[in-house]
Amino acid sequence: MTRSAPRSLDQYLQQLREELAGEDAALIQDALYDAEEYLRAEIAAHPDKSESDVLELIASTYGAPDEVAAAYRDTEAKVKAALKTPVRVNAKKNGFFGVFLDPHAYGSLFFMILSLATGIIYFVITVAGLSISVGLGVVIIGVPFFLTFIGLTRILSLSEGRLIEAMTGERMPRRPVHPGPPLSFWGRIGNMLGDPRTWSTLAYLVLMLPLGIVYFVTAITGLSVSVAFIVAPLVELFGRFEVSPEWLGTFWALPLLLCAGVLLLTALMHLARGVGRLHAAFAKALLVQK
């Protein structure tokens, strides 16, 4: 069944969303932002024409919703193919120890360590911003401060998404959610308050502190213990050191420590990769527009 041509910008965006149904939510958000940004600019550039006339005019240049959707799918497939290195494929074939060949395992481990610092920053900004917004709510300056604060949190969420994609390889938005048509001052306030993503973003920024503590402690403890076990035989070769219980320092126990350290480090890399994937799914659920 042939779909009728869209007669308004909202119809165009709705048809594009329907054409992209089933695709990654981050891809849909990027496509909708690009389309709305371009279409609004074209409509503004032709004030003498109706919205439907402008859409008909640019159908041959920008494309119909199904053509735009197909182009995004094709581009996304090419980008994924370019980023999917043979190293990651080999990592899966090499079994348990193949995780050391997966660059995203290292990226996820680094993300776990970094998350304590980002969690503290996000928590402080969010709690301070909310507190000041509530405190200034009785005076007129509190409203523009709240708008600025919410804008800042959306910038943080977009930056966090780019960090997650770089560290874990999970597709995250490269464009923000389009603000839509120009609204009045109070209209923008109502739009932000009624947008579920406003509150889910704030929830994510607050939750990053406890999550960051857990990630950091897990990563540092795992690295410290496993590396200590691995280097113990080397330290024993170049100088005596006292351990408790004493049998851990015997000749036959040192190889066991080495094996235990390698196994613990490998398990930590698997854990880090799993945490990276789970956290990416958690971030996408709270930060990406549905």
Protein backbone atom coordinates (compact mmCIF):
# COMPACT_ATOMS: atom_id res chain seq x y z
CA MET A 1 0.00 0.00 0.00
CA THR A 2 1.41 3.36 -1.08
CA ARG A 3 1.71 5.86 1.74
CA SER A 4 0.32 9.33 1.03
CA ALA A 5 2.83 12.16 0.88
CA PRO A 6 3.13 14.10 4.15
CA ARG A 7 1.36 17.45 4.14
CA SER A 8 2.90 18.82 7.33
CA LEU A 9 6.19 18.61 9.20
CA ASP A 10 4.62 16.56 11.98
CA GLN A 11 3.29 14.06 9.44
CA TYR A 12 6.72 13.81 7.84
CA LEU A 13 8.42 13.12 11.17
CA GLN A 14 5.73 10.60 12.15
CA GLN A 15 6.14 8.73 8.85
CA LEU A 16 9.92 8.75 9.25
CA ARG A 17 9.59 7.33 12.76
CA GLU A 18 7.29 4.59 11.44
CA GLU A 19 9.71 3.77 8.61
CA LEU A 20 12.52 3.40 11.14
CA ALA A 21 10.49 1.24 13.52
CA GLY A 22 12.61 -1.58 14.89
CA GLU A 23 15.91 0.27 14.45
CA ASP A 24 18.16 1.34 17.29
CA ALA A 25 16.57 4.11 19.38
CA ALA A 26 19.75 6.19 19.11
CA LEU A 27 19.63 5.99 15.30
CA ILE A 28 15.97 7.06 15.29
CA GLN A 29 16.74 10.06 17.52
CA ASP A 30 19.58 11.16 15.22
CA ALA A 31 17.46 10.76 12.08
CA LEU A 32 14.52 12.69 13.54
CA TYR A 33 16.80 15.51 14.69
CA ASP A 34 18.47 15.86 11.28
CA ALA A 35 15.15 15.77 9.45
CA GLU A 36 13.42 18.29 11.71
CA GLU A 37 16.41 20.63 11.67
CA TYR A 38 16.56 20.59 7.87
CA LEU A 39 12.81 20.86 7.31
CA ARG A 40 12.33 23.74 9.75
CA ALA A 41 15.20 25.61 8.13
CA GLU A 42 13.66 25.14 4.68
CA ILE A 43 10.21 26.20 5.86
CA ALA A 44 11.69 29.32 7.46
CA ALA A 45 13.58 30.08 4.23
CA HIS A 46 10.31 30.08 2.21
CA PRO A 47 7.89 32.23 4.22
CA ASP A 48 5.81 32.86 1.08
CA LYS A 49 4.95 29.16 0.71
CA SER A 50 2.74 26.91 2.80
CA GLU A 51 4.22 24.06 4.81
CA SER A 52 2.80 21.45 2.46
CA ASP A 53 4.23 23.25 -0.59
CA VAL A 54 7.67 23.37 0.99
CA LEU A 55 7.53 19.65 1.82
CA GLU A 56 6.56 18.88 -1.76
CA LEU A 57 9.37 21.11 -3.02
CA ILE A 58 12.12 19.45 -0.99
CA ALA A 59 10.86 15.90 -1.53
CA SER A 60 13.19 15.64 -4.52
CA THR A 61 16.22 16.94 -2.59
CA TYR A 62 16.02 15.65 0.97
CA GLY A 63 13.82 12.68 0.10
CA ALA A 64 10.56 11.12 1.20
CA PRO A 65 10.41 9.51 4.68
CA ASP A 66 10.97 5.99 3.30
CA GLU A 67 13.96 7.16 1.25
CA VAL A 68 15.50 8.95 4.23
CA ALA A 69 14.97 5.89 6.42
CA ALA A 70 16.63 3.65 3.82
CA ALA A 71 19.58 6.04 3.56
CA TYR A 72 20.08 6.02 7.34
CA ARG A 73 19.93 2.22 7.45
CA ASP A 74 22.52 2.00 4.67
CA THR A 75 24.82 4.53 6.34
CA GLU A 76 24.49 2.83 9.72
CA ALA A 77 25.35 -0.56 8.20
CA LYS A 78 28.45 0.89 6.52
CA VAL A 79 29.60 2.59 9.73
CA LYS A 80 29.14 -0.60 11.75
CA ALA A 81 31.05 -2.59 9.15
CA ALA A 82 33.91 -0.09 9.22
CA LEU A 83 34.10 -0.09 13.02
CA LYS A 84 33.80 -3.86 13.39
CA THR A 85 37.46 -4.85 13.39
CA PRO A 86 38.67 -8.45 12.82
CA VAL A 87 40.23 -8.31 16.29
CA ARG A 88 36.84 -8.51 17.96
CA VAL A 89 35.84 -11.51 15.86
CA ASN A 90 39.03 -13.34 16.81
CA ALA A 91 38.39 -12.50 20.46
CA LYS A 92 35.21 -14.56 20.36
CA LYS A 93 36.95 -17.52 18.71
CA ASN A 94 39.75 -17.67 21.27
CA GLY A 95 37.44 -18.62 24.13
CA PHE A 96 37.91 -17.58 27.74
CA PHE A 97 41.21 -15.76 27.24
CA GLY A 98 40.09 -14.15 24.00
CA VAL A 99 38.67 -11.28 26.04
CA PHE A 100 42.17 -9.77 26.08
CA LEU A 101 41.85 -9.24 22.32
CA ASP A 102 38.61 -7.28 22.66
CA PRO A 103 39.32 -3.53 22.80
CA HIS A 104 35.88 -2.87 24.26
CA ALA A 105 36.79 -4.95 27.33
CA TYR A 106 39.63 -2.51 28.06
CA GLY A 107 37.36 0.43 27.31
CA SER A 108 34.71 -0.88 29.68
CA LEU A 109 37.30 -1.41 32.42
CA PHE A 110 38.52 2.16 31.97
CA PHE A 111 34.90 3.35 32.06
CA MET A 112 34.40 1.57 35.41
CA ILE A 113 37.43 3.37 36.86
CA LEU A 114 36.43 6.73 35.38
CA SER A 115 32.81 6.44 36.50
CA LEU A 116 33.63 7.45 40.08
CA ALA A 117 34.88 10.85 38.93
CA THR A 118 32.01 11.38 36.46
CA GLY A 119 29.51 10.13 39.04
CA ILE A 120 30.68 12.69 41.59
CA ILE A 121 30.53 15.50 39.01
CA TYR A 122 27.06 14.51 37.81
CA PHE A 123 25.72 14.12 41.36
CA VAL A 124 27.05 17.48 42.53
CA ILE A 125 25.74 19.34 39.48
CA THR A 126 22.32 17.68 39.67
CA VAL A 127 21.76 18.08 43.42
CA ALA A 128 23.09 21.64 43.45
CA GLY A 129 21.06 22.59 40.37
CA LEU A 130 17.83 21.16 41.76
CA SER A 131 18.40 22.74 45.17
CA ILE A 132 19.10 26.18 43.76
CA SER A 133 16.16 25.90 41.33
CA VAL A 134 13.80 25.10 44.20
CA GLY A 135 15.32 27.80 46.39
CA LEU A 136 14.99 30.43 43.68
CA GLY A 137 11.57 29.23 42.59
CA VAL A 138 9.83 31.99 44.55
CA VAL A 139 11.62 34.71 42.57
CA ILE A 140 11.63 35.33 38.84
CA ILE A 141 15.32 34.48 38.42
CA GLY A 142 14.62 30.89 39.43
CA VAL A 143 12.82 30.15 36.14
CA PRO A 144 15.68 31.04 33.74
CA PHE A 145 18.09 29.29 36.11
CA PHE A 146 15.98 26.12 35.88
CA LEU A 147 15.98 26.33 32.07
CA THR A 148 19.75 26.72 32.04
CA PHE A 149 20.17 23.83 34.47
CA ILE A 150 18.01 21.46 32.40
CA GLY A 151 19.89 22.49 29.27
CA LEU A 152 23.15 21.67 31.03
CA THR A 153 21.90 18.22 32.07
CA ARG A 154 20.98 17.46 28.45
CA ILE A 155 24.46 18.43 27.34
CA LEU A 156 25.88 16.14 30.02
CA SER A 157 23.63 13.28 28.90
CA LEU A 158 24.76 13.67 25.28
CA SER A 159 28.42 13.76 26.37
CA GLU A 160 27.89 10.71 28.56
CA GLY A 161 26.40 8.88 25.60
CA ARG A 162 29.42 9.65 23.44
CA LEU A 163 31.72 8.42 26.22
CA ILE A 164 29.73 5.19 26.58
CA GLU A 165 29.82 4.55 22.84
CA ALA A 166 33.57 5.15 22.70
CA MET A 167 34.27 2.86 25.66
CA THR A 168 31.77 0.03 25.08
CA GLY A 169 30.92 0.22 21.38
CA GLU A 170 27.17 0.51 22.05
CA ARG A 171 25.41 2.85 19.62
CA MET A 172 24.37 6.06 21.37
CA PRO A 173 22.83 9.29 20.02
CA ARG A 174 25.06 11.71 18.16
CA ARG A 175 22.36 14.37 18.05
CA PRO A 176 20.21 15.80 20.86
CA VAL A 177 16.44 15.71 20.79
CA HIS A 178 15.23 18.57 18.63
CA PRO A 179 13.60 21.33 20.71
CA GLY A 180 10.75 21.61 18.21
CA PRO A 181 9.04 24.82 17.15
CA PRO A 182 9.85 28.06 18.96
CA LEU A 183 7.80 28.35 22.14
CA SER A 184 7.06 31.10 24.59
CA PHE A 185 9.06 31.32 27.79
CA TRP A 186 6.40 29.56 29.85
CA GLY A 187 5.78 27.13 27.04
CA ARG A 188 9.39 25.99 27.25
CA ILE A 189 9.01 25.52 30.99
CA GLY A 190 5.88 23.41 30.53
CA ASN A 191 7.54 21.40 27.76
CA MET A 192 10.54 20.58 29.95
CA LEU A 193 8.41 19.69 32.97
CA GLY A 194 6.19 17.44 30.89
CA ASP A 195 9.04 15.68 29.09
CA PRO A 196 9.73 12.29 30.76
CA ARG A 197 13.30 12.45 29.49
CA THR A 198 13.94 15.46 31.73
CA TRP A 199 13.32 13.39 34.84
CA SER A 200 14.93 10.19 33.55
CA THR A 201 18.08 12.17 32.74
CA LEU A 202 18.16 13.63 36.26
CA ALA A 203 17.65 10.13 37.70
CA TYR A 204 20.56 8.79 35.64
CA LEU A 205 22.90 11.59 36.72
CA VAL A 206 22.08 10.99 40.39
CA LEU A 207 22.37 7.20 40.14
CA MET A 208 25.79 7.47 38.52
CA LEU A 209 27.34 8.22 41.93
CA PRO A 210 26.41 4.92 43.66
CA LEU A 211 27.02 3.03 40.43
CA GLY A 212 30.36 4.76 40.00
CA ILE A 213 31.42 3.79 43.52
CA VAL A 214 30.54 0.14 42.87
CA TYR A 215 32.27 0.12 39.48
CA PHE A 216 35.40 1.83 40.80
CA VAL A 217 35.79 -0.39 43.86
CA THR A 218 35.21 -3.53 41.80
CA ALA A 219 37.71 -2.54 39.11
CA ILE A 220 40.45 -1.33 41.46
CA THR A 221 40.09 -4.29 43.84
CA GLY A 222 40.12 -6.78 40.99
CA LEU A 223 43.14 -5.17 39.36
CA SER A 224 45.07 -4.88 42.62
CA VAL A 225 44.53 -8.49 43.69
CA SER A 226 45.12 -10.06 40.28
CA VAL A 227 48.24 -7.99 39.51
CA ALA A 228 49.64 -8.69 42.99
CA PHE A 229 49.23 -12.43 42.41
CA ILE A 230 50.82 -12.22 38.96
CA VAL A 231 53.92 -10.27 40.03
CA ALA A 232 54.47 -12.25 43.26
CA PRO A 233 56.71 -14.88 41.59
CA LEU A 234 58.78 -12.13 39.96
CA VAL A 235 59.26 -10.35 43.28
CA GLU A 236 60.26 -13.65 44.88
CA LEU A 237 62.99 -14.13 42.26
CA PHE A 238 64.66 -10.79 42.99
CA GLY A 239 64.10 -10.45 46.71
CA ARG A 240 62.48 -12.22 49.62
CA PHE A 241 59.23 -10.90 51.04
CA GLU A 242 57.16 -12.13 53.93
CA VAL A 243 53.66 -13.36 53.31
CA SER A 244 51.00 -14.76 55.58
CA PRO A 245 50.37 -17.66 55.69
CA GLU A 246 53.97 -18.71 55.07
CA TRP A 247 53.13 -21.50 52.60
CA LEU A 248 52.18 -18.84 50.03
CA GLY A 249 55.85 -17.94 49.77
CA THR A 250 57.02 -21.47 49.05
CA PHE A 251 58.39 -22.51 45.67
CA TRP A 252 55.39 -24.66 44.76
CA ALA A 253 52.80 -22.08 45.82
CA LEU A 254 54.13 -19.24 43.66
CA PRO A 255 53.03 -20.83 40.34
CA LEU A 256 49.57 -21.25 41.86
CA LEU A 257 49.52 -17.54 42.68
CA LEU A 258 50.51 -16.74 39.10
CA CYS A 259 47.73 -18.93 37.69
CA ALA A 260 45.21 -17.49 40.15
CA GLY A 261 46.21 -13.96 39.20
CA VAL A 262 45.81 -14.64 35.48
CA LEU A 263 42.42 -16.25 36.05
CA LEU A 264 41.26 -13.38 38.25
CA LEU A 265 42.42 -10.79 35.72
CA THR A 266 40.67 -12.64 32.90
CA ALA A 267 37.48 -12.90 34.95
CA LEU A 268 37.71 -9.17 35.69
CA MET A 269 37.98 -8.40 31.96
CA HIS A 270 34.88 -10.50 31.28
CA LEU A 271 33.08 -8.76 34.13
CA ALA A 272 34.09 -5.34 32.83
CA ARG A 273 32.84 -6.15 29.34
CA GLY A 274 29.53 -7.38 30.77
CA VAL A 275 29.18 -4.31 32.98
CA GLY A 276 29.87 -2.11 29.98
CA ARG A 277 27.07 -3.72 27.97
CA LEU A 278 24.59 -3.64 30.85
CA HIS A 279 25.38 -0.03 31.69
CA ALA A 280 25.03 0.98 28.04
CA ALA A 281 21.56 -0.58 27.96
CA PHE A 282 20.70 1.20 31.23
CA ALA A 283 21.93 4.54 29.88
CA LYS A 284 20.03 4.10 26.62
CA ALA A 285 16.82 3.38 28.54
CA LEU A 286 17.09 6.63 30.53
CA LEU A 287 18.87 9.03 28.16
CA VAL A 288 17.53 8.21 24.70
CA GLN A 289 14.14 9.43 23.52
CA LYS A 290 11.70 6.61 22.88
